[in-house]
Amino acid sequence: MYHGRFKGTHYDAGFKWGQQLLKFGKKLDFCPTFELTKEKYEFAQQCAEQYSMYFPEILEEIQGIADGNEVHAETLQCILLSMYCFEFDNKCTCFAFCTDNEIVFARNSDFLVSLEKLYMNCIYQLKDSCSFNGNTTAYVQMEDGVNQHGLAAGLTFVYPRVRKPGLNAGMLTRYILEKCSSVKEAEEALHRLPIASAQTITLADKYGGIAVVECNPEKITVIRPQQGKHFVATANNFNSPQMMAYRNPDIDDWRSDDRYKTALTALQNQNEYSVEFAKSLLAGKYGFMCQYDRKKNADTVWSVVYDLKRGQVWRAEGNPSRKKFKEDARMKFV
């Protein structure tokens, strides 16, 4: 993974990064995973109107990247604002648990092996925003992270049966990390923001709040631990009765239901929840989770465990069945 630090205003942080890429001969005028069509340009333009009202700082950061990289801002907007709304590419698994002794968020990010050298870990310390440590396959957007207040968030993508101009999965996660300090605030934000794509967002905070939010442009449902239980879990499908109609059994979701059942069964049968248990579950020691065939261009490309009780970040930069988790102590929690 690349490691980046972003400071100052949104525009300045974007400009510096875009300029650095240009110096190394990297231009951001194309997308390696999907074609930039007229439909996507038009949809991104409609989304930009929503961002200008709800998250204008992101548009400033995108403009900074475009200026620094000497590309058109409209091209970057097409890539970043239409993402998650048309194609079904990345897969992932999230879970969180809370007991008297542990508050843990954990996530596997599953994606294309061919792009694994492009994935980024980011430390953001921007003006008038929460600092956070996050991971992404698409600069600016975040797939998971934890902020200075001890709020962790992570997405899992769901096949988009419907779309509407608004914030997509990666931007919703970024907004939460940058603007919220608790699960309650994150839930309120998701109910307030216009949503463009279909996804689940798993949340956990240092106060012991944990939840999975299943949402798309038409509906939003919050899943909390069942009575007497201490956990939530999700993969690349909706599981609540309210959202089942938006599932699509015909697409290749990289065994999403198998991963979900593995996590659910392990969490249900566990007596002692711990960071080490979370790492083992992500590493596939309780059933199918990350055991992909890399020859088919699929693998777990990073794993994270956020220990919110102790303010610790653990990350495996690659498949956790082969790569060790290492602590990242660069971000300071308040």
C-alpha atoms as a PDB file:
ATOM      1  CA  MET A   1       0.000   0.000   0.000  1.00  0.00           C
ATOM      2  CA  TYR A   2       1.005   3.582  -0.577  1.00  0.00           C
ATOM      3  CA  HIS A   3       1.014   5.773   2.525  1.00  0.00           C
ATOM      4  CA  GLY A   4      -0.054   9.392   2.264  1.00  0.00           C
ATOM      5  CA  ARG A   5      -0.418  12.327   4.640  1.00  0.00           C
ATOM      6  CA  PHE A   6      -2.837  15.118   3.854  1.00  0.00           C
ATOM      7  CA  LYS A   7      -2.722  18.440   5.714  1.00  0.00           C
ATOM      8  CA  GLY A   8      -3.984  22.002   5.342  1.00  0.00           C
ATOM      9  CA  THR A   9      -7.136  22.927   3.470  1.00  0.00           C
ATOM     10  CA  HIS A  10      -8.924  20.416   1.273  1.00  0.00           C
ATOM     11  CA  TYR A  11      -7.788  22.230  -1.846  1.00  0.00           C
ATOM     12  CA  ASP A  12      -4.159  22.460  -0.730  1.00  0.00           C
ATOM     13  CA  ALA A  13      -4.015  18.780   0.258  1.00  0.00           C
ATOM     14  CA  GLY A  14      -5.484  17.770  -3.091  1.00  0.00           C
ATOM     15  CA  PHE A  15      -3.192  20.066  -5.094  1.00  0.00           C
ATOM     16  CA  LYS A  16      -0.053  18.778  -3.374  1.00  0.00           C
ATOM     17  CA  TRP A  17      -0.997  15.146  -3.982  1.00  0.00           C
ATOM     18  CA  GLY A  18      -1.994  15.717  -7.603  1.00  0.00           C
ATOM     19  CA  GLN A  19       1.272  17.563  -8.199  1.00  0.00           C
ATOM     20  CA  GLN A  20       3.316  14.753  -6.630  1.00  0.00           C
ATOM     21  CA  LEU A  21       1.691  12.200  -8.906  1.00  0.00           C
ATOM     22  CA  LEU A  22       2.405  14.383 -11.939  1.00  0.00           C
ATOM     23  CA  LYS A  23       6.094  14.589 -11.019  1.00  0.00           C
ATOM     24  CA  PHE A  24       6.221  10.788 -11.141  1.00  0.00           C
ATOM     25  CA  GLY A  25       4.463  10.733 -14.499  1.00  0.00           C
ATOM     26  CA  LYS A  26       1.096   9.581 -13.128  1.00  0.00           C
ATOM     27  CA  LYS A  27      -1.968  11.183 -14.715  1.00  0.00           C
ATOM     28  CA  LEU A  28      -5.447  10.730 -13.282  1.00  0.00           C
ATOM     29  CA  ASP A  29      -7.315  11.183 -16.558  1.00  0.00           C
ATOM     30  CA  PHE A  30      -8.742   7.639 -16.752  1.00  0.00           C
ATOM     31  CA  CYS A  31     -10.249   4.948 -14.533  1.00  0.00           C
ATOM     32  CA  PRO A  32      -8.620   1.475 -14.514  1.00  0.00           C
ATOM     33  CA  THR A  33     -11.808  -0.339 -13.499  1.00  0.00           C
ATOM     34  CA  PHE A  34     -14.635   1.154 -15.577  1.00  0.00           C
ATOM     35  CA  GLU A  35     -15.285   3.204 -18.707  1.00  0.00           C
ATOM     36  CA  LEU A  36     -16.135   6.890 -18.416  1.00  0.00           C
ATOM     37  CA  THR A  37     -19.335   7.155 -20.434  1.00  0.00           C
ATOM     38  CA  LYS A  38     -21.622  10.072 -21.253  1.00  0.00           C
ATOM     39  CA  GLU A  39     -24.171   8.649 -18.822  1.00  0.00           C
ATOM     40  CA  LYS A  40     -21.646   8.687 -15.997  1.00  0.00           C
ATOM     41  CA  TYR A  41     -20.491  12.217 -16.789  1.00  0.00           C
ATOM     42  CA  GLU A  42     -24.092  13.413 -16.655  1.00  0.00           C
ATOM     43  CA  PHE A  43     -24.802  11.524 -13.441  1.00  0.00           C
ATOM     44  CA  ALA A  44     -21.621  12.867 -11.813  1.00  0.00           C
ATOM     45  CA  GLN A  45     -22.650  16.411 -12.732  1.00  0.00           C
ATOM     46  CA  GLN A  46     -26.004  15.875 -11.016  1.00  0.00           C
ATOM     47  CA  CYS A  47     -24.203  14.437  -7.969  1.00  0.00           C
ATOM     48  CA  ALA A  48     -21.866  17.450  -7.843  1.00  0.00           C
ATOM     49  CA  GLU A  49     -24.885  19.662  -7.217  1.00  0.00           C
ATOM     50  CA  GLN A  50     -25.650  17.600  -4.101  1.00  0.00           C
ATOM     51  CA  TYR A  51     -22.019  17.695  -2.928  1.00  0.00           C
ATOM     52  CA  SER A  52     -21.994  21.470  -3.286  1.00  0.00           C
ATOM     53  CA  MET A  53     -24.793  21.599  -0.703  1.00  0.00           C
ATOM     54  CA  TYR A  54     -23.786  18.792   1.660  1.00  0.00           C
ATOM     55  CA  PHE A  55     -20.022  18.238   1.282  1.00  0.00           C
ATOM     56  CA  PRO A  56     -18.478  21.123  -0.725  1.00  0.00           C
ATOM     57  CA  GLU A  57     -15.013  20.523   0.741  1.00  0.00           C
ATOM     58  CA  ILE A  58     -14.711  17.321  -1.291  1.00  0.00           C
ATOM     59  CA  LEU A  59     -15.306  19.220  -4.516  1.00  0.00           C
ATOM     60  CA  GLU A  60     -12.540  21.617  -3.446  1.00  0.00           C
ATOM     61  CA  GLU A  61     -10.181  18.684  -2.848  1.00  0.00           C
ATOM     62  CA  ILE A  62     -11.034  17.183  -6.240  1.00  0.00           C
ATOM     63  CA  GLN A  63     -10.403  20.567  -7.876  1.00  0.00           C
ATOM     64  CA  GLY A  64      -7.050  20.749  -6.104  1.00  0.00           C
ATOM     65  CA  ILE A  65      -6.060  17.308  -7.364  1.00  0.00           C
ATOM     66  CA  ALA A  66      -7.120  18.237 -10.893  1.00  0.00           C
ATOM     67  CA  ASP A  67      -5.116  21.473 -10.845  1.00  0.00           C
ATOM     68  CA  GLY A  68      -2.040  19.792  -9.395  1.00  0.00           C
ATOM     69  CA  ASN A  69      -2.242  16.858 -11.799  1.00  0.00           C
ATOM     70  CA  GLU A  70      -3.161  19.033 -14.802  1.00  0.00           C
ATOM     71  CA  VAL A  71      -6.343  17.135 -15.651  1.00  0.00           C
ATOM     72  CA  HIS A  72      -9.951  18.237 -16.003  1.00  0.00           C
ATOM     73  CA  ALA A  73     -11.890  18.333 -12.733  1.00  0.00           C
ATOM     74  CA  GLU A  74     -14.932  16.975 -14.608  1.00  0.00           C
ATOM     75  CA  THR A  75     -12.963  13.796 -15.377  1.00  0.00           C
ATOM     76  CA  LEU A  76     -12.117  13.241 -11.712  1.00  0.00           C
ATOM     77  CA  GLN A  77     -15.706  13.975 -10.741  1.00  0.00           C
ATOM     78  CA  CYS A  78     -16.930  11.425 -13.257  1.00  0.00           C
ATOM     79  CA  ILE A  79     -14.623   8.786 -11.747  1.00  0.00           C
ATOM     80  CA  LEU A  80     -15.219   9.587  -8.087  1.00  0.00           C
ATOM     81  CA  LEU A  81     -18.857  10.670  -7.972  1.00  0.00           C
ATOM     82  CA  SER A  82     -20.282   7.935 -10.208  1.00  0.00           C
ATOM     83  CA  MET A  83     -18.301   5.143  -8.522  1.00  0.00           C
ATOM     84  CA  TYR A  84     -20.371   2.500  -6.673  1.00  0.00           C
ATOM     85  CA  CYS A  85     -23.459   3.591  -8.627  1.00  0.00           C
ATOM     86  CA  PHE A  86     -23.052   1.537 -11.837  1.00  0.00           C
ATOM     87  CA  GLU A  87     -20.543  -1.323 -11.564  1.00  0.00           C
ATOM     88  CA  PHE A  88     -20.187  -4.058  -8.970  1.00  0.00           C
ATOM     89  CA  ASP A  89     -16.478  -4.610  -8.389  1.00  0.00           C
ATOM     90  CA  ASN A  90     -15.089  -4.565  -4.857  1.00  0.00           C
ATOM     91  CA  LYS A  91     -16.152  -6.938  -2.097  1.00  0.00           C
ATOM     92  CA  CYS A  92     -15.582  -6.830   1.650  1.00  0.00           C
ATOM     93  CA  THR A  93     -16.639  -8.076   5.095  1.00  0.00           C
ATOM     94  CA  CYS A  94     -17.184  -6.041   8.261  1.00  0.00           C
ATOM     95  CA  PHE A  95     -18.016  -6.875  11.850  1.00  0.00           C
ATOM     96  CA  ALA A  96     -17.864  -5.184  15.232  1.00  0.00           C
ATOM     97  CA  PHE A  97     -18.282  -6.317  18.818  1.00  0.00           C
ATOM     98  CA  CYS A  98     -18.589  -4.653  22.186  1.00  0.00           C
ATOM     99  CA  THR A  99     -18.199  -6.222  25.645  1.00  0.00           C
ATOM    100  CA  ASP A 100     -17.161  -4.896  29.035  1.00  0.00           C
ATOM    101  CA  ASN A 101     -13.520  -5.375  28.048  1.00  0.00           C
ATOM    102  CA  GLU A 102     -13.455  -4.881  24.263  1.00  0.00           C
ATOM    103  CA  ILE A 103     -14.784  -2.519  21.605  1.00  0.00           C
ATOM    104  CA  VAL A 104     -13.528  -3.646  18.195  1.00  0.00           C
ATOM    105  CA  PHE A 105     -14.255  -2.865  14.547  1.00  0.00           C
ATOM    106  CA  ALA A 106     -12.788  -5.231  11.912  1.00  0.00           C
ATOM    107  CA  ARG A 107     -12.834  -5.334   8.127  1.00  0.00           C
ATOM    108  CA  ASN A 108     -11.434  -7.209   5.129  1.00  0.00           C
ATOM    109  CA  SER A 109     -11.207  -5.327   1.841  1.00  0.00           C
ATOM    110  CA  ASP A 110     -11.453  -7.715  -1.121  1.00  0.00           C
ATOM    111  CA  PHE A 111     -10.630  -6.428  -4.576  1.00  0.00           C
ATOM    112  CA  LEU A 112      -8.587  -6.943  -7.745  1.00  0.00           C
ATOM    113  CA  VAL A 113      -5.059  -8.325  -7.449  1.00  0.00           C
ATOM    114  CA  SER A 114      -4.048  -6.395 -10.573  1.00  0.00           C
ATOM    115  CA  LEU A 115      -4.477  -3.090  -8.721  1.00  0.00           C
ATOM    116  CA  GLU A 116      -3.123  -4.015  -5.288  1.00  0.00           C
ATOM    117  CA  LYS A 117      -0.029  -1.803  -5.612  1.00  0.00           C
ATOM    118  CA  LEU A 118      -2.270   1.256  -6.008  1.00  0.00           C
ATOM    119  CA  TYR A 119      -4.197   0.946  -2.742  1.00  0.00           C
ATOM    120  CA  MET A 120      -3.605   3.652  -0.144  1.00  0.00           C
ATOM    121  CA  ASN A 121      -3.486   4.155   3.577  1.00  0.00           C
ATOM    122  CA  CYS A 122      -4.085   7.819   4.434  1.00  0.00           C
ATOM    123  CA  ILE A 123      -3.637  10.064   7.432  1.00  0.00           C
ATOM    124  CA  TYR A 124      -5.895  13.106   7.036  1.00  0.00           C
ATOM    125  CA  GLN A 125      -5.399  16.183   9.221  1.00  0.00           C
ATOM    126  CA  LEU A 126      -7.378  18.844   7.378  1.00  0.00           C
ATOM    127  CA  LYS A 127      -8.487  22.260   8.521  1.00  0.00           C
ATOM    128  CA  ASP A 128     -11.796  22.332  10.439  1.00  0.00           C
ATOM    129  CA  SER A 129     -12.184  18.541  10.145  1.00  0.00           C
ATOM    130  CA  CYS A 130     -11.673  15.453  12.287  1.00  0.00           C
ATOM    131  CA  SER A 131      -8.322  13.775  11.784  1.00  0.00           C
ATOM    132  CA  PHE A 132      -8.537  10.149  10.685  1.00  0.00           C
ATOM    133  CA  ASN A 133      -6.567   7.113   9.571  1.00  0.00           C
ATOM    134  CA  GLY A 134      -8.257   5.533   6.544  1.00  0.00           C
ATOM    135  CA  ASN A 135      -7.795   3.086   3.688  1.00  0.00           C
ATOM    136  CA  THR A 136      -8.964   3.351   0.100  1.00  0.00           C
ATOM    137  CA  THR A 137      -8.898   1.915  -3.399  1.00  0.00           C
ATOM    138  CA  ALA A 138      -9.950   5.314  -4.788  1.00  0.00           C
ATOM    139  CA  TYR A 139      -8.169   8.460  -3.581  1.00  0.00           C
ATOM    140  CA  VAL A 140     -10.460  10.959  -1.793  1.00  0.00           C
ATOM    141  CA  GLN A 141     -13.034   8.272  -0.999  1.00  0.00           C
ATOM    142  CA  MET A 142     -12.559   6.005   2.023  1.00  0.00           C
ATOM    143  CA  GLU A 143     -13.531   2.372   2.428  1.00  0.00           C
ATOM    144  CA  ASP A 144     -12.783   2.205   6.133  1.00  0.00           C
ATOM    145  CA  GLY A 145     -11.093   4.223   8.829  1.00  0.00           C
ATOM    146  CA  VAL A 146     -11.067   5.476  12.402  1.00  0.00           C
ATOM    147  CA  ASN A 147     -10.994   9.105  13.471  1.00  0.00           C
ATOM    148  CA  GLN A 148      -9.470  10.982  16.380  1.00  0.00           C
ATOM    149  CA  HIS A 149     -12.666  10.647  18.428  1.00  0.00           C
ATOM    150  CA  GLY A 150     -12.572   6.843  18.303  1.00  0.00           C
ATOM    151  CA  LEU A 151     -15.315   6.453  15.682  1.00  0.00           C
ATOM    152  CA  ALA A 152     -14.701   3.680  13.134  1.00  0.00           C
ATOM    153  CA  ALA A 153     -16.624   3.205   9.896  1.00  0.00           C
ATOM    154  CA  GLY A 154     -16.373   0.809   6.976  1.00  0.00           C
ATOM    155  CA  LEU A 155     -18.406   0.088   3.867  1.00  0.00           C
ATOM    156  CA  THR A 156     -19.468  -3.027   2.060  1.00  0.00           C
ATOM    157  CA  PHE A 157     -20.772  -2.509  -1.453  1.00  0.00           C
ATOM    158  CA  VAL A 158     -24.140  -3.936  -2.556  1.00  0.00           C
ATOM    159  CA  TYR A 159     -25.307  -4.370  -6.138  1.00  0.00           C
ATOM    160  CA  PRO A 160     -26.955  -1.044  -7.159  1.00  0.00           C
ATOM    161  CA  ARG A 161     -30.519  -1.784  -8.225  1.00  0.00           C
ATOM    162  CA  VAL A 162     -31.358   1.925  -7.932  1.00  0.00           C
ATOM    163  CA  ARG A 163     -29.281   5.101  -8.008  1.00  0.00           C
ATOM    164  CA  LYS A 164     -29.966   8.746  -7.416  1.00  0.00           C
ATOM    165  CA  PRO A 165     -27.768  11.862  -7.361  1.00  0.00           C
ATOM    166  CA  GLY A 166     -26.096  12.066  -3.973  1.00  0.00           C
ATOM    167  CA  LEU A 167     -23.119  10.761  -1.996  1.00  0.00           C
ATOM    168  CA  ASN A 168     -21.842   7.287  -2.834  1.00  0.00           C
ATOM    169  CA  ALA A 169     -20.535   4.620  -0.446  1.00  0.00           C
ATOM    170  CA  GLY A 170     -16.928   5.836  -0.336  1.00  0.00           C
ATOM    171  CA  MET A 171     -17.939   9.462   0.120  1.00  0.00           C
ATOM    172  CA  LEU A 172     -20.436   8.616   2.856  1.00  0.00           C
ATOM    173  CA  THR A 173     -17.674   6.806   4.741  1.00  0.00           C
ATOM    174  CA  ARG A 174     -15.323   9.753   4.237  1.00  0.00           C
ATOM    175  CA  TYR A 175     -18.001  12.197   5.453  1.00  0.00           C
ATOM    176  CA  ILE A 176     -18.592  10.174   8.624  1.00  0.00           C
ATOM    177  CA  LEU A 177     -14.890   9.963   9.463  1.00  0.00           C
ATOM    178  CA  GLU A 178     -14.397  13.660   8.817  1.00  0.00           C
ATOM    179  CA  LYS A 179     -17.554  15.083  10.383  1.00  0.00           C
ATOM    180  CA  CYS A 180     -18.827  12.743  13.122  1.00  0.00           C
ATOM    181  CA  SER A 181     -17.616  11.715  16.575  1.00  0.00           C
ATOM    182  CA  SER A 182     -20.037   8.919  17.519  1.00  0.00           C
ATOM    183  CA  VAL A 183     -22.266   6.216  16.054  1.00  0.00           C
ATOM    184  CA  LYS A 184     -25.287   8.364  16.899  1.00  0.00           C
ATOM    185  CA  GLU A 185     -23.927  11.314  14.900  1.00  0.00           C
ATOM    186  CA  ALA A 186     -23.032   9.029  11.983  1.00  0.00           C
ATOM    187  CA  GLU A 187     -26.546   7.553  11.879  1.00  0.00           C
ATOM    188  CA  GLU A 188     -28.067  11.033  11.946  1.00  0.00           C
ATOM    189  CA  ALA A 189     -25.808  12.065   9.055  1.00  0.00           C
ATOM    190  CA  LEU A 190     -26.822   9.044   6.967  1.00  0.00           C
ATOM    191  CA  HIS A 191     -30.495   9.862   7.506  1.00  0.00           C
ATOM    192  CA  ARG A 192     -29.862  13.467   6.471  1.00  0.00           C
ATOM    193  CA  LEU A 193     -27.549  13.053   3.458  1.00  0.00           C
ATOM    194  CA  PRO A 194     -28.737  12.232  -0.083  1.00  0.00           C
ATOM    195  CA  ILE A 195     -27.542   8.706  -0.920  1.00  0.00           C
ATOM    196  CA  ALA A 196     -26.481   7.711  -4.439  1.00  0.00           C
ATOM    197  CA  SER A 197     -25.507   4.030  -4.193  1.00  0.00           C
ATOM    198  CA  ALA A 198     -26.355   0.831  -2.319  1.00  0.00           C
ATOM    199  CA  GLN A 199     -24.190  -0.247   0.621  1.00  0.00           C
ATOM    200  CA  THR A 200     -23.907  -1.220   4.237  1.00  0.00           C
ATOM    201  CA  ILE A 201     -21.868   0.937   6.586  1.00  0.00           C
ATOM    202  CA  THR A 202     -20.652  -0.650   9.803  1.00  0.00           C
ATOM    203  CA  LEU A 203     -20.086   1.737  12.699  1.00  0.00           C
ATOM    204  CA  ALA A 204     -18.414   1.475  16.104  1.00  0.00           C
ATOM    205  CA  ASP A 205     -17.304   4.069  18.634  1.00  0.00           C
ATOM    206  CA  LYS A 206     -15.278   4.204  21.834  1.00  0.00           C
ATOM    207  CA  TYR A 207     -18.477   4.634  23.870  1.00  0.00           C
ATOM    208  CA  GLY A 208     -19.597   1.123  22.926  1.00  0.00           C
ATOM    209  CA  GLY A 209     -22.033   1.953  20.156  1.00  0.00           C
ATOM    210  CA  ILE A 210     -22.059  -0.542  17.261  1.00  0.00           C
ATOM    211  CA  ALA A 211     -24.415  -0.821  14.291  1.00  0.00           C
ATOM    212  CA  VAL A 212     -24.739  -1.802  10.642  1.00  0.00           C
ATOM    213  CA  VAL A 213     -26.617   0.677   8.466  1.00  0.00           C
ATOM    214  CA  GLU A 214     -28.120  -0.839   5.300  1.00  0.00           C
ATOM    215  CA  CYS A 215     -29.053   1.907   2.860  1.00  0.00           C
ATOM    216  CA  ASN A 216     -29.689   2.917  -0.731  1.00  0.00           C
ATOM    217  CA  PRO A 217     -31.363   5.964  -2.337  1.00  0.00           C
ATOM    218  CA  GLU A 218     -34.817   4.697  -1.390  1.00  0.00           C
ATOM    219  CA  LYS A 219     -34.505   3.207   2.068  1.00  0.00           C
ATOM    220  CA  ILE A 220     -32.335   3.056   5.191  1.00  0.00           C
ATOM    221  CA  THR A 221     -32.356   0.480   8.005  1.00  0.00           C
ATOM    222  CA  VAL A 222     -30.205   0.312  11.142  1.00  0.00           C
ATOM    223  CA  ILE A 223     -29.236  -3.111  12.507  1.00  0.00           C
ATOM    224  CA  ARG A 224     -28.109  -3.306  16.132  1.00  0.00           C
ATOM    225  CA  PRO A 225     -27.001  -6.291  18.243  1.00  0.00           C
ATOM    226  CA  GLN A 226     -29.801  -8.671  19.097  1.00  0.00           C
ATOM    227  CA  GLN A 227     -30.839  -8.846  22.736  1.00  0.00           C
ATOM    228  CA  GLY A 228     -28.139 -10.594  24.750  1.00  0.00           C
ATOM    229  CA  LYS A 229     -25.647 -10.421  21.861  1.00  0.00           C
ATOM    230  CA  HIS A 230     -22.551  -8.256  21.545  1.00  0.00           C
ATOM    231  CA  PHE A 231     -21.915  -8.022  17.800  1.00  0.00           C
ATOM    232  CA  VAL A 232     -23.002  -7.006  14.307  1.00  0.00           C
ATOM    233  CA  ALA A 233     -21.711  -8.289  10.963  1.00  0.00           C
ATOM    234  CA  THR A 234     -22.241  -7.794   7.238  1.00  0.00           C
ATOM    235  CA  ALA A 235     -20.822  -8.559   3.791  1.00  0.00           C
ATOM    236  CA  ASN A 236     -21.922  -7.616   0.258  1.00  0.00           C
ATOM    237  CA  ASN A 237     -25.648  -8.095   0.643  1.00  0.00           C
ATOM    238  CA  PHE A 238     -28.590  -6.672   2.529  1.00  0.00           C
ATOM    239  CA  ASN A 239     -29.789  -8.966   5.319  1.00  0.00           C
ATOM    240  CA  SER A 240     -32.598  -7.070   7.038  1.00  0.00           C
ATOM    241  CA  PRO A 241     -36.188  -7.966   6.001  1.00  0.00           C
ATOM    242  CA  GLN A 242     -36.768  -4.343   4.981  1.00  0.00           C
ATOM    243  CA  MET A 243     -33.932  -4.417   2.414  1.00  0.00           C
ATOM    244  CA  MET A 244     -34.172  -7.970   1.063  1.00  0.00           C
ATOM    245  CA  ALA A 245     -36.046  -6.826  -2.046  1.00  0.00           C
ATOM    246  CA  TYR A 246     -32.889  -4.997  -3.198  1.00  0.00           C
ATOM    247  CA  ARG A 247     -30.706  -8.125  -3.263  1.00  0.00           C
ATOM    248  CA  ASN A 248     -29.649  -9.631  -6.599  1.00  0.00           C
ATOM    249  CA  PRO A 249     -28.862 -13.370  -6.444  1.00  0.00           C
ATOM    250  CA  ASP A 250     -27.659 -13.472 -10.062  1.00  0.00           C
ATOM    251  CA  ILE A 251     -24.448 -11.450  -9.661  1.00  0.00           C
ATOM    252  CA  ASP A 252     -21.023 -12.752  -8.597  1.00  0.00           C
ATOM    253  CA  ASP A 253     -20.596 -11.349  -5.094  1.00  0.00           C
ATOM    254  CA  TRP A 254     -17.473 -13.378  -4.231  1.00  0.00           C
ATOM    255  CA  ARG A 255     -19.375 -15.686  -1.853  1.00  0.00           C
ATOM    256  CA  SER A 256     -20.802 -12.842   0.182  1.00  0.00           C
ATOM    257  CA  ASP A 257     -23.315 -15.011   2.024  1.00  0.00           C
ATOM    258  CA  ASP A 258     -20.590 -17.523   2.916  1.00  0.00           C
ATOM    259  CA  ARG A 259     -18.421 -14.772   4.383  1.00  0.00           C
ATOM    260  CA  TYR A 260     -21.378 -13.363   6.278  1.00  0.00           C
ATOM    261  CA  LYS A 261     -22.282 -16.784   7.720  1.00  0.00           C
ATOM    262  CA  THR A 262     -18.663 -17.435   8.702  1.00  0.00           C
ATOM    263  CA  ALA A 263     -18.522 -14.162  10.620  1.00  0.00           C
ATOM    264  CA  LEU A 264     -21.958 -14.643  12.172  1.00  0.00           C
ATOM    265  CA  THR A 265     -21.286 -18.212  13.312  1.00  0.00           C
ATOM    266  CA  ALA A 266     -17.883 -17.378  14.789  1.00  0.00           C
ATOM    267  CA  LEU A 267     -19.248 -14.346  16.628  1.00  0.00           C
ATOM    268  CA  GLN A 268     -22.258 -16.280  17.956  1.00  0.00           C
ATOM    269  CA  ASN A 269     -20.104 -19.126  19.275  1.00  0.00           C
ATOM    270  CA  GLN A 270     -17.327 -17.001  20.766  1.00  0.00           C
ATOM    271  CA  ASN A 271     -16.996 -16.759  24.539  1.00  0.00           C
ATOM    272  CA  GLU A 272     -13.987 -14.439  24.735  1.00  0.00           C
ATOM    273  CA  TYR A 273     -13.975 -11.555  22.272  1.00  0.00           C
ATOM    274  CA  SER A 274     -10.577  -9.977  21.663  1.00  0.00           C
ATOM    275  CA  VAL A 275      -8.412  -8.261  19.067  1.00  0.00           C
ATOM    276  CA  GLU A 276      -6.666 -11.570  18.400  1.00  0.00           C
ATOM    277  CA  PHE A 277      -9.999 -13.271  17.788  1.00  0.00           C
ATOM    278  CA  ALA A 278     -10.911 -10.535  15.290  1.00  0.00           C
ATOM    279  CA  LYS A 279      -7.614 -10.998  13.462  1.00  0.00           C
ATOM    280  CA  SER A 280      -8.116 -14.775  13.311  1.00  0.00           C
ATOM    281  CA  LEU A 281     -11.648 -14.438  11.963  1.00  0.00           C
ATOM    282  CA  LEU A 282     -10.477 -12.065   9.221  1.00  0.00           C
ATOM    283  CA  ALA A 283      -7.653 -14.486   8.411  1.00  0.00           C
ATOM    284  CA  GLY A 284     -10.091 -17.305   7.633  1.00  0.00           C
ATOM    285  CA  LYS A 285      -9.421 -19.495  10.683  1.00  0.00           C
ATOM    286  CA  TYR A 286     -13.145 -19.947  11.331  1.00  0.00           C
ATOM    287  CA  GLY A 287     -14.243 -20.697   7.756  1.00  0.00           C
ATOM    288  CA  PHE A 288     -14.301 -19.038   4.360  1.00  0.00           C
ATOM    289  CA  MET A 289     -13.355 -15.386   4.590  1.00  0.00           C
ATOM    290  CA  CYS A 290     -10.245 -14.537   2.559  1.00  0.00           C
ATOM    291  CA  GLN A 291      -9.308 -17.816   0.846  1.00  0.00           C
ATOM    292  CA  TYR A 292      -9.502 -16.534  -2.730  1.00  0.00           C
ATOM    293  CA  ASP A 293      -7.726 -17.864  -5.819  1.00  0.00           C
ATOM    294  CA  ARG A 294      -5.339 -15.072  -6.791  1.00  0.00           C
ATOM    295  CA  LYS A 295      -5.098 -16.548 -10.283  1.00  0.00           C
ATOM    296  CA  LYS A 296      -8.657 -15.296 -10.785  1.00  0.00           C
ATOM    297  CA  ASN A 297      -7.552 -11.723  -9.941  1.00  0.00           C
ATOM    298  CA  ALA A 298      -9.342 -11.742  -6.584  1.00  0.00           C
ATOM    299  CA  ASP A 299      -7.944 -11.492  -3.074  1.00  0.00           C
ATOM    300  CA  THR A 300      -8.195  -9.760   0.264  1.00  0.00           C
ATOM    301  CA  VAL A 301      -5.941  -6.755  -0.320  1.00  0.00           C
ATOM    302  CA  TRP A 302      -5.890  -5.396   3.227  1.00  0.00           C
ATOM    303  CA  SER A 303      -7.403  -6.044   6.658  1.00  0.00           C
ATOM    304  CA  VAL A 304      -7.883  -3.733   9.602  1.00  0.00           C
ATOM    305  CA  VAL A 305      -8.753  -4.095  13.261  1.00  0.00           C
ATOM    306  CA  TYR A 306      -9.550  -0.914  15.191  1.00  0.00           C
ATOM    307  CA  ASP A 307      -9.252  -1.398  18.962  1.00  0.00           C
ATOM    308  CA  LEU A 308     -11.428   1.464  20.179  1.00  0.00           C
ATOM    309  CA  LYS A 309     -10.993   0.647  23.857  1.00  0.00           C
ATOM    310  CA  ARG A 310      -7.236   1.185  23.696  1.00  0.00           C
ATOM    311  CA  GLY A 311      -7.018   3.550  20.736  1.00  0.00           C
ATOM    312  CA  GLN A 312      -4.988   1.186  18.556  1.00  0.00           C
ATOM    313  CA  VAL A 313      -4.934   0.581  14.791  1.00  0.00           C
ATOM    314  CA  TRP A 314      -3.871  -2.826  13.421  1.00  0.00           C
ATOM    315  CA  ARG A 315      -3.494  -3.375   9.672  1.00  0.00           C
ATOM    316  CA  ALA A 316      -2.392  -6.258   7.456  1.00  0.00           C
ATOM    317  CA  GLU A 317      -1.311  -4.897   4.085  1.00  0.00           C
ATOM    318  CA  GLY A 318      -2.367  -7.895   2.065  1.00  0.00           C
ATOM    319  CA  ASN A 319      -4.247 -11.121   2.748  1.00  0.00           C
ATOM    320  CA  PRO A 320      -4.310 -11.625   6.544  1.00  0.00           C
ATOM    321  CA  SER A 321      -3.798 -15.372   6.154  1.00  0.00           C
ATOM    322  CA  ARG A 322      -0.313 -14.574   4.817  1.00  0.00           C
ATOM    323  CA  LYS A 323       0.487 -11.060   6.067  1.00  0.00           C
ATOM    324  CA  LYS A 324       0.954 -10.097   9.705  1.00  0.00           C
ATOM    325  CA  PHE A 325      -1.050  -7.383  11.372  1.00  0.00           C
ATOM    326  CA  LYS A 326       1.142  -4.461  12.393  1.00  0.00           C
ATOM    327  CA  GLU A 327       0.244  -1.599  14.676  1.00  0.00           C
ATOM    328  CA  ASP A 328      -0.004   1.877  13.157  1.00  0.00           C
ATOM    329  CA  ALA A 329       0.499   4.393  15.960  1.00  0.00           C
ATOM    330  CA  ARG A 330       0.814   7.546  13.851  1.00  0.00           C
ATOM    331  CA  MET A 331      -2.617   9.025  14.613  1.00  0.00           C
ATOM    332  CA  LYS A 332      -3.329  10.378  18.061  1.00  0.00           C
ATOM    333  CA  PHE A 333      -6.732   9.782  19.619  1.00  0.00           C
ATOM    334  CA  VAL A 334      -8.303  12.476  21.779  1.00  0.00           C
END
